[in-house]
Amino acid sequence: MPAARSTASPDPIASRRHPLLGRVRAAADGHGDEVLLEGPHLVAEALAAGLPVTLVLVAVSAAGRPEVASLLESATGHGAPLHYASEAAFAAASPTRTPTGVLALTSLSLSTADRVAAGADALVSVAVGVQDPGNLGTLMRSSEAAGASGVAVLGASAHPFGWKVLRGSMGSALRLPIVREAEAGAGVRALQQRGLRLVALSAAAKHALYEVDLTGPLAVCAGAEGTGLPPEVLALCDTHLRIPMHPPVESLNVGVAASLVLFEAMRQRGRRT
């Protein structure tokens, strides 16, 4: 066992009904005060970001793996409470079919339209009705990589702090300012009122991606898989663009499509790493 073992509870949790396991399960959907981090990478990202990790749950069999032992040492240094669990108990707490051996809880707060839209060169990703958590997580990851100032998650989109979205973002959702608004029209109007030009991704758009000016304060709006942006949002947008594609391909995954636009915006703005 690693040295961090001494900071955990004296005996591994064995009961699937243990209250700590219930607390972990309750955090999975992202709606509560605590959110669930699944896997060593995401827990390490949270610690590196200085987030308050309020619980780390480790499967006994995973504790000896080098990457997990190093993570537990870091968690101990940050004062995160460690608890160990038997394989059966850990599996009962984990939302995955193949548990990675490490789960943790932290707290995240939603941001505001004022914050994500701040700055003369603001770039905001807007997800409208994007229900697939992996796609939303990918969009968040690309947003951070392209230098976006924030993400707006609108309408019936997956919850931005759900465990699958957090895992898909590979840590970006822990660092980016994120706005959530149940009414899509209100959400995009709030960004527009703060001086952002709204650009809509639409397969029916006249202008192709590389024909559109993506400089200045901008919000890139991407819609649900299959149905795209709702008419209300399309009507509010200042510009519509499409991704040029060779036939017979007609559409792209929403996370991929939005990523292409974000990186073209980064190119036009002359940003370099």
Protein backbone atom coordinates (compact mmCIF):
# COMPACT_ATOMS: atom_id res chain seq x y z
CA MET A 1 0.00 0.00 0.00
CA PRO A 2 1.22 3.58 -0.62
CA ALA A 3 2.11 5.90 2.22
CA ALA A 4 -1.16 7.78 1.70
CA ARG A 5 -2.98 4.70 3.01
CA SER A 6 -2.58 5.87 6.60
CA THR A 7 -4.76 8.94 5.98
CA ALA A 8 -7.76 6.86 4.93
CA SER A 9 -10.37 5.16 7.02
CA PRO A 10 -8.85 2.23 9.04
CA ASP A 11 -10.68 -0.44 7.05
CA PRO A 12 -11.87 -0.41 3.43
CA ILE A 13 -15.55 0.27 2.90
CA ALA A 14 -17.21 -3.07 2.22
CA SER A 15 -20.94 -2.34 2.31
CA ARG A 16 -22.62 -1.16 -0.87
CA ARG A 17 -25.01 0.81 1.32
CA HIS A 18 -22.31 2.88 3.01
CA PRO A 19 -23.39 6.56 3.14
CA LEU A 20 -20.19 7.72 1.43
CA LEU A 21 -21.04 5.62 -1.60
CA GLY A 22 -24.49 7.15 -1.70
CA ARG A 23 -22.92 10.59 -1.57
CA VAL A 24 -20.72 9.72 -4.54
CA ARG A 25 -23.61 8.34 -6.57
CA ALA A 26 -25.74 11.40 -5.85
CA ALA A 27 -23.08 13.69 -7.33
CA ALA A 28 -22.90 11.94 -10.70
CA ASP A 29 -25.55 14.02 -12.51
CA GLY A 30 -23.88 17.35 -11.65
CA HIS A 31 -27.01 19.00 -10.27
CA GLY A 32 -26.00 19.12 -6.62
CA ASP A 33 -23.48 21.01 -4.52
CA GLU A 34 -20.82 18.38 -5.25
CA VAL A 35 -19.81 16.96 -8.63
CA LEU A 36 -18.21 13.63 -9.43
CA LEU A 37 -14.73 13.29 -10.90
CA GLU A 38 -14.10 9.90 -12.49
CA GLY A 39 -10.58 8.59 -13.00
CA PRO A 40 -7.06 9.57 -11.90
CA HIS A 41 -6.54 12.10 -14.71
CA LEU A 42 -9.58 14.20 -13.87
CA VAL A 43 -8.84 14.10 -10.13
CA ALA A 44 -5.27 15.23 -10.83
CA GLU A 45 -6.59 18.08 -13.00
CA ALA A 46 -8.87 19.23 -10.18
CA LEU A 47 -6.02 19.22 -7.67
CA ALA A 48 -3.78 21.11 -10.09
CA ALA A 49 -6.53 23.70 -10.60
CA GLY A 50 -6.72 24.25 -6.84
CA LEU A 51 -10.31 23.04 -6.58
CA PRO A 52 -11.55 21.87 -3.16
CA VAL A 53 -11.50 18.06 -3.43
CA THR A 54 -13.73 16.99 -0.57
CA LEU A 55 -13.43 13.21 -0.94
CA VAL A 56 -11.24 10.71 -2.77
CA LEU A 57 -12.48 7.13 -3.02
CA VAL A 58 -10.00 4.46 -4.10
CA ALA A 59 -10.49 0.80 -4.93
CA VAL A 60 -8.09 -1.28 -2.82
CA SER A 61 -6.75 -3.06 -5.91
CA ALA A 62 -5.91 0.25 -7.62
CA ALA A 63 -4.01 1.85 -4.74
CA GLY A 64 -0.71 0.21 -5.62
CA ARG A 65 -0.61 1.37 -9.23
CA PRO A 66 2.19 3.96 -9.64
CA GLU A 67 -0.03 6.65 -11.17
CA VAL A 68 -2.64 6.18 -8.46
CA ALA A 69 -0.06 6.14 -5.64
CA SER A 70 1.36 9.42 -6.95
CA LEU A 71 -2.12 10.92 -7.14
CA LEU A 72 -2.93 9.87 -3.58
CA GLU A 73 0.26 11.48 -2.35
CA SER A 74 -0.76 14.71 -4.08
CA ALA A 75 -4.30 14.46 -2.68
CA THR A 76 -2.91 13.99 0.82
CA GLY A 77 -0.74 17.07 0.37
CA HIS A 78 -3.85 19.04 -0.55
CA GLY A 79 -5.70 17.80 2.52
CA ALA A 80 -8.23 15.74 0.55
CA PRO A 81 -9.88 13.03 2.71
CA LEU A 82 -9.02 9.54 1.39
CA HIS A 83 -11.24 6.49 1.69
CA TYR A 84 -10.65 2.98 0.39
CA ALA A 85 -13.30 0.55 -0.79
CA SER A 86 -13.51 -3.10 -1.67
CA GLU A 87 -13.96 -3.98 -5.33
CA ALA A 88 -17.68 -4.60 -4.91
CA ALA A 89 -18.25 -1.43 -2.92
CA PHE A 90 -16.26 0.70 -5.36
CA ALA A 91 -18.16 -0.76 -8.31
CA ALA A 92 -21.41 0.17 -6.57
CA ALA A 93 -20.27 3.78 -6.33
CA SER A 94 -18.76 4.08 -9.80
CA PRO A 95 -20.99 5.17 -12.72
CA THR A 96 -18.83 3.28 -15.24
CA ARG A 97 -19.04 -0.33 -16.31
CA THR A 98 -15.26 -0.59 -16.07
CA PRO A 99 -14.20 1.41 -13.00
CA THR A 100 -10.83 3.16 -13.13
CA GLY A 101 -10.23 2.73 -9.42
CA VAL A 102 -10.41 6.38 -8.39
CA LEU A 103 -13.40 8.67 -7.79
CA ALA A 104 -13.50 12.08 -6.15
CA LEU A 105 -15.89 14.87 -5.27
CA THR A 106 -15.38 18.59 -5.72
CA SER A 107 -17.46 21.76 -6.03
CA LEU A 108 -17.96 23.79 -9.20
CA SER A 109 -19.89 27.01 -9.75
CA LEU A 110 -21.62 28.26 -12.86
CA SER A 111 -20.47 31.59 -14.27
CA THR A 112 -22.33 34.58 -15.73
CA ALA A 113 -22.86 36.06 -19.19
CA ASP A 114 -20.95 39.16 -18.07
CA ARG A 115 -17.85 37.12 -17.34
CA VAL A 116 -17.77 34.92 -20.44
CA ALA A 117 -18.49 37.90 -22.72
CA ALA A 118 -15.90 40.20 -21.17
CA GLY A 119 -13.06 41.53 -23.27
CA ALA A 120 -12.64 43.08 -26.71
CA ASP A 121 -11.77 39.68 -28.21
CA ALA A 122 -14.24 37.46 -26.36
CA LEU A 123 -14.90 34.06 -27.94
CA VAL A 124 -17.77 32.05 -26.48
CA SER A 125 -18.87 28.55 -27.47
CA VAL A 126 -22.64 28.13 -27.33
CA ALA A 127 -24.16 24.64 -27.12
CA VAL A 128 -27.92 24.60 -27.71
CA GLY A 129 -29.69 21.33 -26.93
CA VAL A 130 -26.50 19.25 -27.15
CA GLN A 131 -27.63 16.23 -25.18
CA ASP A 132 -24.74 13.84 -25.78
CA PRO A 133 -22.32 14.30 -22.83
CA GLY A 134 -19.31 13.22 -24.87
CA ASN A 135 -20.04 15.77 -27.57
CA LEU A 136 -20.49 18.53 -25.02
CA GLY A 137 -17.27 17.54 -23.28
CA THR A 138 -15.42 17.58 -26.61
CA LEU A 139 -16.76 21.05 -27.35
CA MET A 140 -15.50 22.27 -23.98
CA ARG A 141 -12.07 20.76 -24.56
CA SER A 142 -11.80 22.40 -27.99
CA SER A 143 -13.05 25.68 -26.57
CA GLU A 144 -10.23 25.86 -24.05
CA ALA A 145 -7.68 24.75 -26.65
CA ALA A 146 -8.82 27.48 -29.05
CA GLY A 147 -8.60 30.17 -26.39
CA ALA A 148 -12.33 30.64 -25.79
CA SER A 149 -13.33 32.93 -22.95
CA GLY A 150 -16.16 30.63 -21.87
CA VAL A 151 -18.95 28.24 -22.79
CA ALA A 152 -22.71 28.76 -22.70
CA VAL A 153 -24.77 25.59 -22.29
CA LEU A 154 -28.35 26.32 -23.29
CA GLY A 155 -31.71 24.63 -23.65
CA ALA A 156 -32.01 20.88 -23.17
CA SER A 157 -28.25 20.30 -23.28
CA ALA A 158 -26.59 17.79 -20.97
CA HIS A 159 -25.65 19.25 -17.60
CA PRO A 160 -22.15 20.75 -17.94
CA PHE A 161 -21.11 19.27 -14.59
CA GLY A 162 -22.40 15.74 -15.19
CA TRP A 163 -19.65 13.15 -14.78
CA LYS A 164 -19.63 12.12 -18.46
CA VAL A 165 -19.28 15.73 -19.61
CA LEU A 166 -16.48 16.36 -17.14
CA ARG A 167 -14.68 13.22 -18.27
CA GLY A 168 -15.15 14.11 -21.94
CA SER A 169 -13.73 17.59 -21.37
CA MET A 170 -10.51 16.05 -19.97
CA GLY A 171 -10.38 18.77 -17.31
CA SER A 172 -11.33 21.80 -19.41
CA ALA A 173 -14.75 22.06 -17.72
CA LEU A 174 -12.93 22.51 -14.40
CA ARG A 175 -11.20 25.66 -15.65
CA LEU A 176 -13.50 27.35 -18.17
CA PRO A 177 -16.23 29.79 -17.13
CA ILE A 178 -19.51 28.06 -17.97
CA VAL A 179 -22.97 29.62 -18.22
CA ARG A 180 -26.13 27.52 -18.11
CA GLU A 181 -29.57 28.76 -19.21
CA ALA A 182 -32.64 26.56 -19.67
CA GLU A 183 -34.22 28.95 -22.19
CA ALA A 184 -32.05 29.02 -25.30
CA GLY A 185 -33.40 32.28 -26.68
CA ALA A 186 -32.77 34.10 -23.42
CA GLY A 187 -29.26 32.72 -23.30
CA VAL A 188 -28.20 33.90 -26.74
CA ARG A 189 -29.93 37.27 -26.28
CA ALA A 190 -27.93 37.80 -23.09
CA LEU A 191 -24.69 37.31 -25.03
CA GLN A 192 -25.87 39.54 -27.87
CA GLN A 193 -26.80 42.30 -25.43
CA ARG A 194 -23.23 42.21 -24.15
CA GLY A 195 -21.83 43.03 -27.57
CA LEU A 196 -21.11 39.59 -28.98
CA ARG A 197 -21.81 38.85 -32.63
CA LEU A 198 -23.70 35.55 -32.94
CA VAL A 199 -22.55 33.05 -35.55
CA ALA A 200 -24.73 30.01 -36.23
CA LEU A 201 -23.59 26.67 -37.60
CA SER A 202 -26.14 25.65 -40.21
CA ALA A 203 -25.89 23.11 -43.03
CA ALA A 204 -28.18 25.36 -45.10
CA ALA A 205 -26.05 28.50 -44.69
CA LYS A 206 -24.99 30.40 -47.82
CA HIS A 207 -21.51 31.20 -46.55
CA ALA A 208 -18.82 28.61 -45.94
CA LEU A 209 -16.64 28.68 -42.84
CA TYR A 210 -13.62 30.22 -44.54
CA GLU A 211 -15.65 33.08 -46.02
CA VAL A 212 -16.79 34.46 -42.66
CA ASP A 213 -15.04 37.02 -40.46
CA LEU A 214 -14.57 35.44 -37.03
CA THR A 215 -12.66 38.26 -35.36
CA GLY A 216 -13.97 40.53 -32.62
CA PRO A 217 -16.34 39.60 -29.79
CA LEU A 218 -18.03 36.43 -31.00
CA ALA A 219 -20.34 33.62 -29.91
CA VAL A 220 -20.24 30.40 -31.95
CA CYS A 221 -23.64 28.66 -31.73
CA ALA A 222 -23.93 24.92 -32.36
CA GLY A 223 -27.16 22.96 -32.14
CA ALA A 224 -28.39 19.54 -31.18
CA GLU A 225 -27.25 16.40 -32.94
CA GLY A 226 -29.58 15.79 -35.87
CA THR A 227 -31.93 18.77 -35.51
CA GLY A 228 -29.40 21.60 -35.35
CA LEU A 229 -30.18 25.02 -33.93
CA PRO A 230 -33.83 25.87 -33.24
CA PRO A 231 -35.49 28.50 -35.49
CA GLU A 232 -35.60 31.04 -32.65
CA VAL A 233 -31.84 30.93 -32.21
CA LEU A 234 -31.16 30.95 -35.95
CA ALA A 235 -33.29 34.09 -36.27
CA LEU A 236 -31.31 35.85 -33.57
CA CYS A 237 -27.90 35.05 -35.06
CA ASP A 238 -26.10 37.71 -37.07
CA THR A 239 -24.32 35.31 -39.42
CA HIS A 240 -24.89 31.72 -40.55
CA LEU A 241 -22.07 29.52 -41.80
CA ARG A 242 -21.61 25.95 -42.96
CA ILE A 243 -18.65 23.58 -42.89
CA PRO A 244 -17.56 22.81 -46.46
CA MET A 245 -17.50 19.05 -47.04
CA HIS A 246 -16.93 16.67 -49.91
CA PRO A 247 -20.01 14.62 -50.80
CA PRO A 248 -21.55 12.26 -49.91
CA VAL A 249 -20.79 13.44 -46.35
CA GLU A 250 -23.51 15.85 -45.27
CA SER A 251 -22.86 16.48 -41.57
CA LEU A 252 -20.31 16.21 -38.77
CA ASN A 253 -20.48 15.44 -35.09
CA VAL A 254 -21.47 18.69 -33.35
CA GLY A 255 -18.31 18.66 -31.24
CA VAL A 256 -16.14 18.31 -34.35
CA ALA A 257 -18.06 20.96 -36.31
CA ALA A 258 -17.86 23.52 -33.52
CA SER A 259 -14.17 22.73 -33.03
CA LEU A 260 -13.43 23.54 -36.68
CA VAL A 261 -15.07 26.95 -36.31
CA LEU A 262 -13.30 27.70 -33.03
CA PHE A 263 -9.87 26.92 -34.45
CA GLU A 264 -10.57 28.96 -37.55
CA ALA A 265 -11.50 31.83 -35.23
CA MET A 266 -8.19 31.33 -33.41
CA ARG A 267 -6.32 31.38 -36.73
CA GLN A 268 -8.02 34.58 -37.87
CA ARG A 269 -7.23 36.24 -34.57
CA GLY A 270 -3.56 35.40 -35.00
CA ARG A 271 -3.27 33.52 -31.71
CA ARG A 272 -0.22 31.36 -31.27
CA THR A 273 0.81 29.08 -28.43
